[in-house]
PDB file of N, CA and C in Angstrom:
ATOM      1  N   MET A   1       0.825  -1.259   0.002  1.00  0.00           N
ATOM      2  CA  MET A   1       0.030  -0.029  -0.008  1.00  0.00           C
ATOM      3  C   MET A   1       0.986   1.188  -0.058  1.00  0.00           C
ATOM      4  N   ILE A   2       1.700   1.411   0.982  1.00  0.00           N
ATOM      5  CA  ILE A   2       2.607   2.612   1.071  1.00  0.00           C
ATOM      6  C   ILE A   2       3.558   2.521  -0.164  1.00  0.00           C
ATOM      7  N   SER A   3       4.093   1.342  -0.401  1.00  0.00           N
ATOM      8  CA  SER A   3       5.104   1.440  -1.611  1.00  0.00           C
ATOM      9  C   SER A   3       4.405   1.874  -2.915  1.00  0.00           C
ATOM     10  N   LYS A   4       3.162   1.271  -3.134  1.00  0.00           N
ATOM     11  CA  LYS A   4       2.452   1.689  -4.196  1.00  0.00           C
ATOM     12  C   LYS A   4       2.154   3.131  -4.281  1.00  0.00           C
ATOM     13  N   ALA A   5       1.736   3.753  -3.141  1.00  0.00           N
ATOM     14  CA  ALA A   5       1.459   5.166  -3.075  1.00  0.00           C
ATOM     15  C   ALA A   5       2.607   5.962  -3.335  1.00  0.00           C
ATOM     16  N   LEU A   6       3.696   5.517  -2.734  1.00  0.00           N
ATOM     17  CA  LEU A   6       5.047   6.307  -2.918  1.00  0.00           C
ATOM     18  C   LEU A   6       5.394   6.348  -4.493  1.00  0.00           C
ATOM     19  N   ILE A   7       5.308   5.185  -5.214  1.00  0.00           N
ATOM     20  CA  ILE A   7       5.587   5.160  -6.431  1.00  0.00           C
ATOM     21  C   ILE A   7       4.730   5.965  -7.381  1.00  0.00           C
ATOM     22  N   MET A   8       3.348   6.021  -7.062  1.00  0.00           N
ATOM     23  CA  MET A   8       2.435   6.739  -7.833  1.00  0.00           C
ATOM     24  C   MET A   8       2.703   8.310  -7.580  1.00  0.00           C
ATOM     25  N   ALA A   9       2.836   8.544  -6.265  1.00  0.00           N
ATOM     26  CA  ALA A   9       2.994   9.900  -5.790  1.00  0.00           C
ATOM     27  C   ALA A   9       4.281  10.411  -6.348  1.00  0.00           C
ATOM     28  N   GLY A  10       5.426   9.525  -6.494  1.00  0.00           N
ATOM     29  CA  GLY A  10       6.680   9.901  -6.877  1.00  0.00           C
ATOM     30  C   GLY A  10       6.462  10.272  -8.292  1.00  0.00           C
ATOM     31  N   GLY A  11       5.728   9.463  -9.173  1.00  0.00           N
ATOM     32  CA  GLY A  11       5.719   9.747 -10.624  1.00  0.00           C
ATOM     33  C   GLY A  11       4.983  10.948 -10.874  1.00  0.00           C
ATOM     34  N   LYS A  12       3.686  11.168 -10.278  1.00  0.00           N
ATOM     35  CA  LYS A  12       2.866  12.432 -10.533  1.00  0.00           C
ATOM     36  C   LYS A  12       3.229  13.527  -9.442  1.00  0.00           C
ATOM     37  N   GLY A  13       3.618  13.062  -8.319  1.00  0.00           N
ATOM     38  CA  GLY A  13       3.717  13.936  -7.181  1.00  0.00           C
ATOM     39  C   GLY A  13       4.989  14.835  -7.482  1.00  0.00           C
ATOM     40  N   THR A  14       6.060  14.370  -7.905  1.00  0.00           N
ATOM     41  CA  THR A  14       7.221  15.111  -8.329  1.00  0.00           C
ATOM     42  C   THR A  14       6.854  16.175  -9.410  1.00  0.00           C
ATOM     43  N   ARG A  15       5.852  15.880 -10.218  1.00  0.00           N
ATOM     44  CA  ARG A  15       5.427  16.950 -11.117  1.00  0.00           C
ATOM     45  C   ARG A  15       4.631  18.028 -10.737  1.00  0.00           C
ATOM     46  N   LEU A  16       3.711  17.607  -9.780  1.00  0.00           N
ATOM     47  CA  LEU A  16       2.923  18.717  -9.126  1.00  0.00           C
ATOM     48  C   LEU A  16       3.701  19.509  -8.104  1.00  0.00           C
ATOM     49  N   ARG A  17       4.225  18.812  -7.238  1.00  0.00           N
ATOM     50  CA  ARG A  17       5.018  19.404  -6.208  1.00  0.00           C
ATOM     51  C   ARG A  17       5.531  18.354  -5.164  1.00  0.00           C
ATOM     52  N   PRO A  18       6.698  18.643  -4.486  1.00  0.00           N
ATOM     53  CA  PRO A  18       7.379  17.703  -3.516  1.00  0.00           C
ATOM     54  C   PRO A  18       6.371  17.392  -2.350  1.00  0.00           C
ATOM     55  N   LEU A  19       5.349  18.161  -2.172  1.00  0.00           N
ATOM     56  CA  LEU A  19       4.485  18.051  -1.039  1.00  0.00           C
ATOM     57  C   LEU A  19       3.706  16.706  -1.099  1.00  0.00           C
ATOM     58  N   THR A  20       3.406  16.258  -2.402  1.00  0.00           N
ATOM     59  CA  THR A  20       2.733  15.053  -2.515  1.00  0.00           C
ATOM     60  C   THR A  20       3.595  13.807  -2.022  1.00  0.00           C
ATOM     61  N   LEU A  21       4.964  13.904  -2.181  1.00  0.00           N
ATOM     62  CA  LEU A  21       5.809  12.926  -1.829  1.00  0.00           C
ATOM     63  C   LEU A  21       5.559  12.578  -0.325  1.00  0.00           C
ATOM     64  N   GLU A  22       5.376  13.592   0.411  1.00  0.00           N
ATOM     65  CA  GLU A  22       5.216  13.377   1.947  1.00  0.00           C
ATOM     66  C   GLU A  22       3.810  12.913   2.220  1.00  0.00           C
ATOM     67  N   THR A  23       2.742  13.563   1.420  1.00  0.00           N
ATOM     68  CA  THR A  23       1.391  13.176   1.801  1.00  0.00           C
ATOM     69  C   THR A  23       0.668  12.798   0.347  1.00  0.00           C
ATOM     70  N   PRO A  24       0.956  11.491  -0.042  1.00  0.00           N
ATOM     71  CA  PRO A  24       0.384  10.942  -1.251  1.00  0.00           C
ATOM     72  C   PRO A  24      -1.154  10.983  -1.364  1.00  0.00           C
ATOM     73  N   LYS A  25      -1.654  11.507  -2.462  1.00  0.00           N
ATOM     74  CA  LYS A  25      -3.075  11.681  -2.519  1.00  0.00           C
ATOM     75  C   LYS A  25      -3.711  10.754  -3.701  1.00  0.00           C
ATOM     76  N   PRO A  26      -4.721  10.362  -3.556  1.00  0.00           N
ATOM     77  CA  PRO A  26      -5.428   9.429  -4.518  1.00  0.00           C
ATOM     78  C   PRO A  26      -5.616  10.229  -5.920  1.00  0.00           C
TER      79      PRO A  26
END
């Protein structure tokens, strides 16, 4: 769960902002 969220957030999170990396959103 956390690993998948990290990969997902890391892919689009880095594009939106580094904040998503700490708080992955659906």
